[in-house]
Amino acid sequence: MRIDEIDKNFSAPSVITEPDMLFIAEGDKNVYFVDGEGMYSGIFANSYTVDGVHPNDVGFMHMAEKIGTLLLHSLGFEFNI
């Protein structure tokens, strides 16, 4: 999601820095945020990591699909993996 589309009640994580917010204030519409909190969710959430934190091969593949979809969307492609 674009950072300027984040719910106003959302507590911005520390990775969203002041320069990021400055770019947005100056009108940059191409600053995106990938929410890692929801990266591993659903029925198979435990199968994406080796220890509940660090991704395994399946976890990295899942991350690539999620981030790849966002990247394609940000470039103007509508593509669902």
C-alpha atoms as a PDB file:
ATOM      1  CA  MET A   1       0.000   0.000   0.000  1.00  0.00           C
ATOM      2  CA  ARG A   2       1.150   3.534  -0.543  1.00  0.00           C
ATOM      3  CA  ILE A   3       2.173   5.200   2.683  1.00  0.00           C
ATOM      4  CA  ASP A   4      -0.330   8.015   2.115  1.00  0.00           C
ATOM      5  CA  GLU A   5      -3.098   5.372   2.024  1.00  0.00           C
ATOM      6  CA  ILE A   6      -2.301   3.992   5.481  1.00  0.00           C
ATOM      7  CA  ASP A   7      -5.196   4.285   7.883  1.00  0.00           C
ATOM      8  CA  LYS A   8      -4.754   7.486   9.887  1.00  0.00           C
ATOM      9  CA  ASN A   9      -5.302   5.503  13.113  1.00  0.00           C
ATOM     10  CA  PHE A  10      -2.427   3.220  12.145  1.00  0.00           C
ATOM     11  CA  SER A  11       0.658   3.662  14.289  1.00  0.00           C
ATOM     12  CA  ALA A  12       3.439   4.091  11.738  1.00  0.00           C
ATOM     13  CA  PRO A  13       6.300   1.698  12.341  1.00  0.00           C
ATOM     14  CA  SER A  14       9.724   3.142  13.044  1.00  0.00           C
ATOM     15  CA  VAL A  15      10.876   2.116   9.559  1.00  0.00           C
ATOM     16  CA  ILE A  16       8.748   4.904   8.084  1.00  0.00           C
ATOM     17  CA  THR A  17      11.218   7.695   8.496  1.00  0.00           C
ATOM     18  CA  GLU A  18      10.944  11.450   8.454  1.00  0.00           C
ATOM     19  CA  PRO A  19      12.427  11.621   4.920  1.00  0.00           C
ATOM     20  CA  ASP A  20       9.722   9.181   3.746  1.00  0.00           C
ATOM     21  CA  MET A  21       7.058  11.464   5.145  1.00  0.00           C
ATOM     22  CA  LEU A  22       8.782  14.491   3.574  1.00  0.00           C
ATOM     23  CA  PHE A  23       8.661  12.855   0.126  1.00  0.00           C
ATOM     24  CA  ILE A  24       4.936  12.246   0.595  1.00  0.00           C
ATOM     25  CA  ALA A  25       4.324  15.810   1.803  1.00  0.00           C
ATOM     26  CA  GLU A  26       6.072  17.055  -1.341  1.00  0.00           C
ATOM     27  CA  GLY A  27       3.676  15.028  -3.485  1.00  0.00           C
ATOM     28  CA  ASP A  28       5.606  11.825  -4.203  1.00  0.00           C
ATOM     29  CA  LYS A  29       2.940   9.194  -4.893  1.00  0.00           C
ATOM     30  CA  ASN A  30       5.428   6.336  -5.259  1.00  0.00           C
ATOM     31  CA  VAL A  31       6.416   5.641  -1.658  1.00  0.00           C
ATOM     32  CA  TYR A  32       5.169   2.213  -0.617  1.00  0.00           C
ATOM     33  CA  PHE A  33       5.011   0.281   2.643  1.00  0.00           C
ATOM     34  CA  VAL A  34       5.050  -3.501   2.828  1.00  0.00           C
ATOM     35  CA  ASP A  35       3.414  -4.640   6.047  1.00  0.00           C
ATOM     36  CA  GLY A  36       5.523  -7.506   7.323  1.00  0.00           C
ATOM     37  CA  GLU A  37       3.099  -8.198  10.182  1.00  0.00           C
ATOM     38  CA  GLY A  38       0.636  -9.839   7.821  1.00  0.00           C
ATOM     39  CA  MET A  39       3.222 -11.534   5.628  1.00  0.00           C
ATOM     40  CA  TYR A  40       2.745 -14.939   7.253  1.00  0.00           C
ATOM     41  CA  SER A  41      -0.917 -15.389   7.997  1.00  0.00           C
ATOM     42  CA  GLY A  42      -3.563 -17.964   7.372  1.00  0.00           C
ATOM     43  CA  ILE A  43      -3.840 -21.658   7.898  1.00  0.00           C
ATOM     44  CA  PHE A  44      -0.249 -22.417   6.818  1.00  0.00           C
ATOM     45  CA  ALA A  45       1.433 -19.555   8.706  1.00  0.00           C
ATOM     46  CA  ASN A  46       3.635 -21.908  10.741  1.00  0.00           C
ATOM     47  CA  SER A  47       4.951 -23.642   7.635  1.00  0.00           C
ATOM     48  CA  TYR A  48       6.677 -20.479   6.358  1.00  0.00           C
ATOM     49  CA  THR A  49       9.398 -20.336   9.032  1.00  0.00           C
ATOM     50  CA  VAL A  50      11.985 -22.613  10.562  1.00  0.00           C
ATOM     51  CA  ASP A  51      11.511 -21.277  14.075  1.00  0.00           C
ATOM     52  CA  GLY A  52       8.449 -19.031  14.057  1.00  0.00           C
ATOM     53  CA  VAL A  53      10.556 -16.027  12.981  1.00  0.00           C
ATOM     54  CA  HIS A  54      13.085 -16.815  10.250  1.00  0.00           C
ATOM     55  CA  PRO A  55      11.686 -17.770   6.825  1.00  0.00           C
ATOM     56  CA  ASN A  56      12.424 -21.107   5.216  1.00  0.00           C
ATOM     57  CA  ASP A  57      12.377 -21.714   1.429  1.00  0.00           C
ATOM     58  CA  VAL A  58       8.582 -21.722   1.332  1.00  0.00           C
ATOM     59  CA  GLY A  59       8.516 -18.536   3.419  1.00  0.00           C
ATOM     60  CA  PHE A  60      10.889 -16.761   1.040  1.00  0.00           C
ATOM     61  CA  MET A  61       8.760 -17.876  -1.911  1.00  0.00           C
ATOM     62  CA  HIS A  62       5.636 -16.557  -0.176  1.00  0.00           C
ATOM     63  CA  MET A  63       7.386 -13.220   0.524  1.00  0.00           C
ATOM     64  CA  ALA A  64       8.455 -12.969  -3.133  1.00  0.00           C
ATOM     65  CA  GLU A  65       4.867 -13.513  -4.263  1.00  0.00           C
ATOM     66  CA  LYS A  66       3.476 -10.870  -1.877  1.00  0.00           C
ATOM     67  CA  ILE A  67       6.171  -8.265  -2.584  1.00  0.00           C
ATOM     68  CA  GLY A  68       6.206  -9.092  -6.298  1.00  0.00           C
ATOM     69  CA  THR A  69       2.473  -8.435  -6.560  1.00  0.00           C
ATOM     70  CA  LEU A  70       2.915  -5.038  -4.872  1.00  0.00           C
ATOM     71  CA  LEU A  71       5.869  -4.219  -7.119  1.00  0.00           C
ATOM     72  CA  LEU A  72       3.948  -5.113 -10.284  1.00  0.00           C
ATOM     73  CA  HIS A  73       0.974  -3.053  -9.087  1.00  0.00           C
ATOM     74  CA  SER A  74       3.223  -0.059  -8.340  1.00  0.00           C
ATOM     75  CA  LEU A  75       4.580  -0.291 -11.892  1.00  0.00           C
ATOM     76  CA  GLY A  76       1.070  -0.247 -13.322  1.00  0.00           C
ATOM     77  CA  PHE A  77       0.550  -3.948 -13.945  1.00  0.00           C
ATOM     78  CA  GLU A  78      -2.469  -5.765 -12.570  1.00  0.00           C
ATOM     79  CA  PHE A  79      -1.210  -9.259 -11.871  1.00  0.00           C
ATOM     80  CA  ASN A  80      -2.256 -11.780  -9.252  1.00  0.00           C
ATOM     81  CA  ILE A  81       0.111 -14.589  -8.388  1.00  0.00           C
END
